[in-house]
Amino acid sequence: MVANIRDPKVMALADEATKFLSNQSWCRSVESVSLGWAITGILGVFLLRVIPDRPGIDDTLWVVVGDLPPAYVVYDGNPTWHDALEAYVLEMERWVATVRRGSSLGDVIPVRAEPTQEHAEMLARRLSLIRREILAHDDLSPGDA
């Protein structure tokens, strides 16, 4: 099911991505997992192919996991791990901004964390680091597979 991952810590991230997507109510099962990019034990971007439980559900999704809230990003419009991570950061920045304003979270990505100012600031720092150290570089290889 998992393709081309040798590092046990990256495999743990792949397992986390698989479990996260498998726990979605619309996911019948995960067919395959491929590494997009990872920093061993810290951050992973994986491409998962799933069998949805009903029509109209995407069957190919990116999943971002690690030392931040897990989330999935649609493959359409995000053909590379870099595009997917950028989309993830944008959606999480919307969550941070919404929490900072004290507004309703109904129209932002669900995050498995209490919507407190402290959590918003912690996530904002991680997102800033991702922008500066990862997304600012177009020449990164798949990482520590």
Protein backbone atom coordinates (compact mmCIF):
# COMPACT_ATOMS: atom_id res chain seq x y z
CA MET A 1 0.00 0.00 0.00
CA VAL A 2 2.81 2.47 0.83
CA ALA A 3 5.24 3.07 -2.04
CA ASN A 4 8.98 3.73 -1.76
CA ILE A 5 9.32 4.72 1.90
CA ARG A 6 12.30 3.24 3.74
CA ASP A 7 12.70 5.52 6.77
CA PRO A 8 10.67 4.25 9.77
CA LYS A 9 9.83 7.79 10.93
CA VAL A 10 8.56 8.76 7.49
CA MET A 11 6.60 5.48 7.45
CA ALA A 12 5.05 6.53 10.78
CA LEU A 13 3.95 9.79 9.15
CA ALA A 14 2.50 7.80 6.21
CA ASP A 15 0.61 5.63 8.69
CA GLU A 16 -0.71 8.77 10.40
CA ALA A 17 -1.90 10.13 7.02
CA THR A 18 -3.58 6.82 6.21
CA LYS A 19 -5.33 6.68 9.58
CA PHE A 20 -6.43 10.31 9.31
CA LEU A 21 -8.05 9.77 5.90
CA SER A 22 -9.46 6.35 6.84
CA ASN A 23 -11.30 7.99 9.74
CA GLN A 24 -13.21 10.35 7.43
CA SER A 25 -16.86 9.26 7.20
CA TRP A 26 -16.79 9.29 3.39
CA CYS A 27 -13.65 7.11 3.02
CA ARG A 28 -14.36 3.41 2.56
CA SER A 29 -10.67 2.49 2.34
CA VAL A 30 -7.24 3.71 1.34
CA GLU A 31 -5.83 2.02 -1.78
CA SER A 32 -2.34 3.51 -1.89
CA VAL A 33 -0.04 6.01 -0.23
CA SER A 34 2.86 7.75 -1.96
CA LEU A 35 5.39 10.09 -0.43
CA GLY A 36 5.28 13.61 -1.79
CA TRP A 37 7.80 15.15 0.59
CA ALA A 38 8.86 14.74 4.21
CA ILE A 39 11.17 15.90 6.93
CA THR A 40 11.81 12.81 9.02
CA GLY A 41 9.52 12.73 12.04
CA ILE A 42 8.34 16.34 11.62
CA LEU A 43 6.26 16.89 8.49
CA GLY A 44 4.95 14.73 5.68
CA VAL A 45 2.96 15.39 2.53
CA PHE A 46 1.46 12.22 1.06
CA LEU A 47 -0.68 11.45 -1.97
CA LEU A 48 -3.42 8.97 -1.11
CA ARG A 49 -5.80 7.16 -3.42
CA VAL A 50 -9.00 6.12 -1.71
CA ILE A 51 -12.21 4.28 -2.39
CA PRO A 52 -14.96 6.73 -1.40
CA ASP A 53 -18.18 5.42 0.07
CA ARG A 54 -20.36 7.41 -2.35
CA PRO A 55 -20.21 9.15 -5.74
CA GLY A 56 -18.97 12.72 -5.97
CA ILE A 57 -16.11 12.26 -3.50
CA ASP A 58 -12.53 12.80 -4.69
CA ASP A 59 -10.55 9.59 -4.89
CA THR A 60 -7.09 11.21 -4.90
CA LEU A 61 -6.08 13.53 -2.06
CA TRP A 62 -2.99 15.00 -0.51
CA VAL A 63 -2.67 14.60 3.26
CA VAL A 64 -0.40 16.77 5.39
CA VAL A 65 0.58 15.39 8.79
CA GLY A 66 3.26 15.89 11.40
CA ASP A 67 3.90 18.43 14.11
CA LEU A 68 0.80 20.40 13.10
CA PRO A 69 -2.91 19.69 12.57
CA PRO A 70 -3.54 16.99 9.94
CA ALA A 71 -5.63 17.90 6.92
CA TYR A 72 -6.37 16.76 3.40
CA VAL A 73 -6.15 18.84 0.23
CA VAL A 74 -7.80 17.96 -3.07
CA TYR A 75 -5.49 16.80 -5.84
CA ASP A 76 -7.29 18.71 -8.60
CA GLY A 77 -5.59 22.08 -8.83
CA ASN A 78 -2.71 20.88 -6.64
CA PRO A 79 -0.69 18.48 -8.81
CA THR A 80 2.52 18.59 -6.74
CA TRP A 81 3.36 18.18 -3.07
CA HIS A 82 4.54 21.83 -3.11
CA ASP A 83 1.14 22.98 -4.42
CA ALA A 84 -0.62 20.85 -1.82
CA LEU A 85 1.49 22.21 1.04
CA GLU A 86 0.86 25.76 -0.17
CA ALA A 87 -2.91 25.07 -0.22
CA TYR A 88 -2.67 23.55 3.27
CA VAL A 89 -0.84 26.62 4.60
CA LEU A 90 -3.37 28.99 3.02
CA GLU A 91 -6.30 27.12 4.59
CA MET A 92 -4.63 26.94 8.00
CA GLU A 93 -3.80 30.66 7.82
CA ARG A 94 -7.52 31.30 7.25
CA TRP A 95 -8.23 29.27 10.42
CA VAL A 96 -5.64 31.29 12.36
CA ALA A 97 -7.10 34.61 11.13
CA THR A 98 -10.64 33.48 11.98
CA VAL A 99 -9.64 32.44 15.50
CA ARG A 100 -7.75 35.70 16.03
CA ARG A 101 -10.91 37.66 15.07
CA GLY A 102 -13.10 35.45 17.24
CA SER A 103 -15.35 34.70 14.26
CA SER A 104 -17.31 31.57 13.44
CA LEU A 105 -15.24 28.65 12.17
CA GLY A 106 -18.06 27.35 9.98
CA ASP A 107 -16.39 28.30 6.69
CA VAL A 108 -12.80 27.30 7.44
CA ILE A 109 -10.90 24.02 7.45
CA PRO A 110 -11.64 21.87 10.49
CA VAL A 111 -8.73 21.76 12.92
CA ARG A 112 -8.41 19.28 15.76
CA ALA A 113 -7.45 21.92 18.32
CA GLU A 114 -9.38 24.25 20.55
CA PRO A 115 -9.80 27.60 18.75
CA THR A 116 -7.85 29.60 21.31
CA GLN A 117 -5.50 32.52 20.73
CA GLU A 118 -2.65 30.38 22.07
CA HIS A 119 -3.31 27.59 19.54
CA ALA A 120 -3.70 30.12 16.73
CA GLU A 121 -0.32 31.66 17.58
CA MET A 122 1.38 28.25 17.81
CA LEU A 123 0.01 27.27 14.42
CA ALA A 124 0.87 30.67 12.91
CA ARG A 125 4.52 30.20 13.95
CA ARG A 126 4.67 26.74 12.34
CA LEU A 127 3.02 28.01 9.15
CA SER A 128 5.49 30.90 8.97
CA LEU A 129 8.37 28.44 9.29
CA ILE A 130 6.91 26.26 6.52
CA ARG A 131 6.59 29.30 4.24
CA ARG A 132 10.12 30.50 4.96
CA GLU A 133 12.03 27.21 5.05
CA ILE A 134 10.09 24.97 2.66
CA LEU A 135 7.69 26.80 0.34
CA ALA A 136 10.22 29.52 -0.47
CA HIS A 137 12.40 26.84 -2.10
CA ASP A 138 11.29 25.26 -5.39
CA ASP A 139 14.27 22.92 -5.60
CA LEU A 140 13.55 20.58 -2.68
CA SER A 141 13.67 16.86 -3.35
CA PRO A 142 11.21 14.39 -1.80
CA GLY A 143 13.01 14.65 1.53
CA ASP A 144 14.03 11.92 3.88
CA ALA A 145 12.33 8.86 2.45
